[in-house]
C-alpha atoms as a PDB file:
ATOM      1  CA  MET A   1       9.250  42.243  -0.608  1.00  0.00           C
ATOM      2  CA  GLY A   2      12.923  43.104  -0.428  1.00  0.00           C
ATOM      3  CA  ASN A   3      15.612  41.885  -2.768  1.00  0.00           C
ATOM      4  CA  ALA A   4      18.160  39.344  -1.640  1.00  0.00           C
ATOM      5  CA  LEU A   5      21.651  40.590  -2.475  1.00  0.00           C
ATOM      6  CA  PHE A   6      24.340  37.907  -2.535  1.00  0.00           C
ATOM      7  CA  TYR A   7      27.858  39.244  -1.898  1.00  0.00           C
ATOM      8  CA  HIS A   8      30.541  36.861  -3.172  1.00  0.00           C
ATOM      9  CA  LEU A   9      33.753  37.656  -1.279  1.00  0.00           C
ATOM     10  CA  THR A  10      36.990  36.767  -3.072  1.00  0.00           C
ATOM     11  CA  ARG A  11      39.358  39.588  -2.109  1.00  0.00           C
ATOM     12  CA  SER A  12      38.132  40.838   1.236  1.00  0.00           C
ATOM     13  CA  THR A  13      36.487  39.507   4.379  1.00  0.00           C
ATOM     14  CA  ALA A  14      33.029  39.817   5.869  1.00  0.00           C
ATOM     15  CA  GLU A  15      34.591  42.008   8.569  1.00  0.00           C
ATOM     16  CA  ALA A  16      35.614  44.483   5.849  1.00  0.00           C
ATOM     17  CA  LEU A  17      32.246  44.535   4.036  1.00  0.00           C
ATOM     18  CA  VAL A  18      29.684  44.294   6.832  1.00  0.00           C
ATOM     19  CA  PRO A  19      30.329  47.728   8.417  1.00  0.00           C
ATOM     20  CA  SER A  20      29.682  49.465   5.091  1.00  0.00           C
ATOM     21  CA  LEU A  21      26.489  47.444   4.504  1.00  0.00           C
ATOM     22  CA  ILE A  22      25.296  48.401   7.981  1.00  0.00           C
ATOM     23  CA  ALA A  23      26.194  52.063   7.464  1.00  0.00           C
ATOM     24  CA  LYS A  24      24.310  52.232   4.152  1.00  0.00           C
ATOM     25  CA  SER A  25      21.287  50.548   5.707  1.00  0.00           C
ATOM     26  CA  ARG A  26      21.315  52.958   8.627  1.00  0.00           C
ATOM     27  CA  GLN A  27      21.566  55.908   6.210  1.00  0.00           C
ATOM     28  CA  ALA A  28      18.343  54.620   4.648  1.00  0.00           C
ATOM     29  CA  GLY A  29      16.772  54.701   8.118  1.00  0.00           C
ATOM     30  CA  TRP A  30      16.568  50.928   8.376  1.00  0.00           C
ATOM     31  CA  ARG A  31      16.866  48.768  11.448  1.00  0.00           C
ATOM     32  CA  VAL A  32      19.455  46.037  10.848  1.00  0.00           C
ATOM     33  CA  GLU A  33      19.885  42.464  12.013  1.00  0.00           C
ATOM     34  CA  LEU A  34      23.356  40.995  11.519  1.00  0.00           C
ATOM     35  CA  ARG A  35      22.921  37.230  11.764  1.00  0.00           C
ATOM     36  CA  GLY A  36      25.774  34.776  12.136  1.00  0.00           C
ATOM     37  CA  ALA A  37      26.167  31.087  12.848  1.00  0.00           C
ATOM     38  CA  GLU A  38      28.203  31.187  16.094  1.00  0.00           C
ATOM     39  CA  ALA A  39      27.977  33.293  19.249  1.00  0.00           C
ATOM     40  CA  ALA A  40      31.779  33.660  19.533  1.00  0.00           C
ATOM     41  CA  ARG A  41      31.970  35.081  16.011  1.00  0.00           C
ATOM     42  CA  MET A  42      29.208  37.580  16.755  1.00  0.00           C
ATOM     43  CA  ALA A  43      31.016  38.658  19.944  1.00  0.00           C
ATOM     44  CA  ARG A  44      34.149  39.364  17.855  1.00  0.00           C
ATOM     45  CA  LEU A  45      32.068  41.365  15.365  1.00  0.00           C
ATOM     46  CA  ASP A  46      30.502  43.254  18.276  1.00  0.00           C
ATOM     47  CA  GLU A  47      33.974  44.425  19.310  1.00  0.00           C
ATOM     48  CA  LEU A  48      34.964  45.192  15.719  1.00  0.00           C
ATOM     49  CA  LEU A  49      31.911  47.398  15.161  1.00  0.00           C
ATOM     50  CA  TRP A  50      32.744  49.478  18.237  1.00  0.00           C
ATOM     51  CA  GLN A  51      36.337  49.949  17.052  1.00  0.00           C
ATOM     52  CA  GLY A  52      35.588  50.947  13.451  1.00  0.00           C
ATOM     53  CA  ASP A  53      36.063  54.341  11.836  1.00  0.00           C
ATOM     54  CA  GLY A  54      32.392  55.295  12.067  1.00  0.00           C
ATOM     55  CA  PHE A  55      29.986  55.021  14.961  1.00  0.00           C
ATOM     56  CA  LEU A  56      27.634  52.084  14.426  1.00  0.00           C
ATOM     57  CA  PRO A  57      25.383  51.806  17.476  1.00  0.00           C
ATOM     58  CA  HIS A  58      24.464  48.181  18.013  1.00  0.00           C
ATOM     59  CA  GLY A  59      23.960  45.447  20.555  1.00  0.00           C
ATOM     60  CA  LEU A  60      24.265  41.694  20.962  1.00  0.00           C
ATOM     61  CA  ALA A  61      20.953  39.855  21.103  1.00  0.00           C
ATOM     62  CA  GLY A  62      19.798  38.677  24.482  1.00  0.00           C
ATOM     63  CA  GLY A  63      19.726  42.037  26.242  1.00  0.00           C
ATOM     64  CA  PRO A  64      16.719  43.842  27.681  1.00  0.00           C
ATOM     65  CA  HIS A  65      16.661  46.428  24.887  1.00  0.00           C
ATOM     66  CA  ASP A  66      16.913  44.209  21.807  1.00  0.00           C
ATOM     67  CA  ALA A  67      13.762  45.666  20.262  1.00  0.00           C
ATOM     68  CA  MET A  68      15.229  49.177  20.430  1.00  0.00           C
ATOM     69  CA  GLN A  69      18.649  48.386  18.966  1.00  0.00           C
ATOM     70  CA  PRO A  70      19.260  50.043  15.571  1.00  0.00           C
ATOM     71  CA  VAL A  71      21.611  47.143  14.758  1.00  0.00           C
ATOM     72  CA  LEU A  72      21.197  43.806  16.512  1.00  0.00           C
ATOM     73  CA  LEU A  73      23.762  41.018  16.252  1.00  0.00           C
ATOM     74  CA  THR A  74      22.070  37.627  16.448  1.00  0.00           C
ATOM     75  CA  VAL A  75      22.901  33.974  16.065  1.00  0.00           C
ATOM     76  CA  ALA A  76      20.863  31.758  13.767  1.00  0.00           C
ATOM     77  CA  GLY A  77      17.993  30.258  15.706  1.00  0.00           C
ATOM     78  CA  GLN A  78      17.473  33.227  18.059  1.00  0.00           C
ATOM     79  CA  GLY A  79      14.422  34.182  16.065  1.00  0.00           C
ATOM     80  CA  THR A  80      13.748  36.980  13.649  1.00  0.00           C
ATOM     81  CA  THR A  81      13.826  40.576  14.835  1.00  0.00           C
ATOM     82  CA  GLY A  82      11.645  42.086  12.115  1.00  0.00           C
ATOM     83  CA  ALA A  83      14.526  44.271  10.934  1.00  0.00           C
ATOM     84  CA  ASP A  84      14.288  46.250   7.712  1.00  0.00           C
ATOM     85  CA  CYS A  85      17.630  44.842   6.568  1.00  0.00           C
ATOM     86  CA  LEU A  86      18.877  41.369   7.404  1.00  0.00           C
ATOM     87  CA  ILE A  87      22.568  40.675   6.809  1.00  0.00           C
ATOM     88  CA  ALA A  88      23.457  36.984   7.030  1.00  0.00           C
ATOM     89  CA  ILE A  89      27.062  35.799   7.270  1.00  0.00           C
ATOM     90  CA  ASP A  90      28.833  32.469   7.719  1.00  0.00           C
ATOM     91  CA  GLY A  91      25.983  30.487   6.167  1.00  0.00           C
ATOM     92  CA  ALA A  92      23.335  31.670   8.643  1.00  0.00           C
ATOM     93  CA  GLY A  93      19.942  30.720   7.284  1.00  0.00           C
ATOM     94  CA  VAL A  94      17.398  33.089   5.797  1.00  0.00           C
ATOM     95  CA  ASP A  95      13.778  32.077   5.413  1.00  0.00           C
ATOM     96  CA  PRO A  96      11.889  33.344   2.340  1.00  0.00           C
ATOM     97  CA  ALA A  97       9.189  34.688   4.673  1.00  0.00           C
ATOM     98  CA  GLU A  98      11.769  37.040   6.200  1.00  0.00           C
ATOM     99  CA  CYS A  99      12.418  38.490   2.750  1.00  0.00           C
ATOM    100  CA  ALA A 100       8.717  39.277   2.414  1.00  0.00           C
ATOM    101  CA  THR A 101       8.844  41.647   5.396  1.00  0.00           C
ATOM    102  CA  ALA A 102      12.332  43.119   4.932  1.00  0.00           C
ATOM    103  CA  GLN A 103      13.397  45.969   2.685  1.00  0.00           C
ATOM    104  CA  ARG A 104      16.610  44.114   1.891  1.00  0.00           C
ATOM    105  CA  VAL A 105      18.406  40.885   2.709  1.00  0.00           C
ATOM    106  CA  CYS A 106      22.174  40.638   2.254  1.00  0.00           C
ATOM    107  CA  ILE A 107      23.883  37.267   2.164  1.00  0.00           C
ATOM    108  CA  VAL A 108      27.654  37.544   2.508  1.00  0.00           C
ATOM    109  CA  PHE A 109      29.739  34.479   1.703  1.00  0.00           C
ATOM    110  CA  ASP A 110      33.390  33.539   1.290  1.00  0.00           C
ATOM    111  CA  GLY A 111      34.017  32.582  -2.321  1.00  0.00           C
ATOM    112  CA  ASN A 112      37.306  30.933  -1.366  1.00  0.00           C
ATOM    113  CA  ASP A 113      35.514  28.333   0.769  1.00  0.00           C
ATOM    114  CA  ASP A 114      33.789  25.506  -1.135  1.00  0.00           C
ATOM    115  CA  SER A 115      31.425  24.793   1.747  1.00  0.00           C
ATOM    116  CA  ALA A 116      30.364  28.463   1.928  1.00  0.00           C
ATOM    117  CA  LEU A 117      29.819  28.488  -1.850  1.00  0.00           C
ATOM    118  CA  ASN A 118      27.565  25.443  -1.628  1.00  0.00           C
ATOM    119  CA  VAL A 119      25.533  26.996   1.188  1.00  0.00           C
ATOM    120  CA  ALA A 120      25.136  30.247  -0.783  1.00  0.00           C
ATOM    121  CA  ARG A 121      24.043  28.348  -3.896  1.00  0.00           C
ATOM    122  CA  SER A 122      21.463  26.486  -1.841  1.00  0.00           C
ATOM    123  CA  GLN A 123      20.228  29.747  -0.335  1.00  0.00           C
ATOM    124  CA  TRP A 124      19.959  31.257  -3.835  1.00  0.00           C
ATOM    125  CA  ARG A 125      17.866  28.317  -5.051  1.00  0.00           C
ATOM    126  CA  THR A 126      15.628  28.406  -1.975  1.00  0.00           C
ATOM    127  CA  LEU A 127      14.990  32.136  -2.079  1.00  0.00           C
ATOM    128  CA  THR A 128      14.564  32.536  -5.838  1.00  0.00           C
ATOM    129  CA  GLY A 129      12.436  29.385  -5.891  1.00  0.00           C
ATOM    130  CA  ALA A 130      10.128  31.108  -3.409  1.00  0.00           C
ATOM    131  CA  GLY A 131       9.887  34.152  -5.684  1.00  0.00           C
ATOM    132  CA  VAL A 132      12.352  36.416  -3.882  1.00  0.00           C
ATOM    133  CA  PRO A 133      14.084  38.773  -6.349  1.00  0.00           C
ATOM    134  CA  ALA A 134      17.839  38.208  -6.066  1.00  0.00           C
ATOM    135  CA  GLU A 135      21.003  39.963  -7.189  1.00  0.00           C
ATOM    136  CA  TYR A 136      24.533  38.594  -7.332  1.00  0.00           C
ATOM    137  CA  TRP A 137      27.446  40.911  -6.517  1.00  0.00           C
ATOM    138  CA  SER A 138      31.092  39.954  -7.003  1.00  0.00           C
ATOM    139  CA  GLU A 139      34.340  41.667  -6.098  1.00  0.00           C
ATOM    140  CA  ALA A 140      36.416  39.362  -8.317  1.00  0.00           C
ATOM    141  CA  GLY A 141      37.258  42.212 -10.703  1.00  0.00           C
ATOM    142  CA  GLY A 142      38.734  44.311  -7.911  1.00  0.00           C
ATOM    143  CA  ARG A 143      35.590  46.293  -7.109  1.00  0.00           C
ATOM    144  CA  TRP A 144      32.003  45.372  -6.369  1.00  0.00           C
ATOM    145  CA  GLU A 145      30.033  44.692  -9.540  1.00  0.00           C
ATOM    146  CA  LYS A 146      26.506  43.469 -10.047  1.00  0.00           C
ATOM    147  CA  LYS A 147      26.595  40.368 -12.244  1.00  0.00           C
ATOM    148  CA  ARG A 148      23.797  39.130 -14.441  1.00  0.00           C
END
């Protein structure tokens, strides 16, 4: 069972953090699913990932080669891809059963948005209540720090 890592954004955006999470996951040899809540948002992230500093091969879900994509951008409700690392943004849901088969689950949320905070808190309770080991990471101090 993989850990669930909660990333509390207060100084940066998901667009700034997600490429580095993907890159680290790919360095570990993991297949990645980046899951969002809206198709338009995932299309914007698709373009962003092609324009970044590093090459992050990926695809939007719904194509004929989804199962072969090293990084697949999905929308909540499209179904699980069985990725080694699941990165959820914008309050996209994560089922505890997905944590049982993944190496890692990353939940990225905007700490400046009360609604996003409430969703993340609910996700924390759901996942830890199901026995998923969880870590909380904050950038409030100016750099990413694991909080206890």
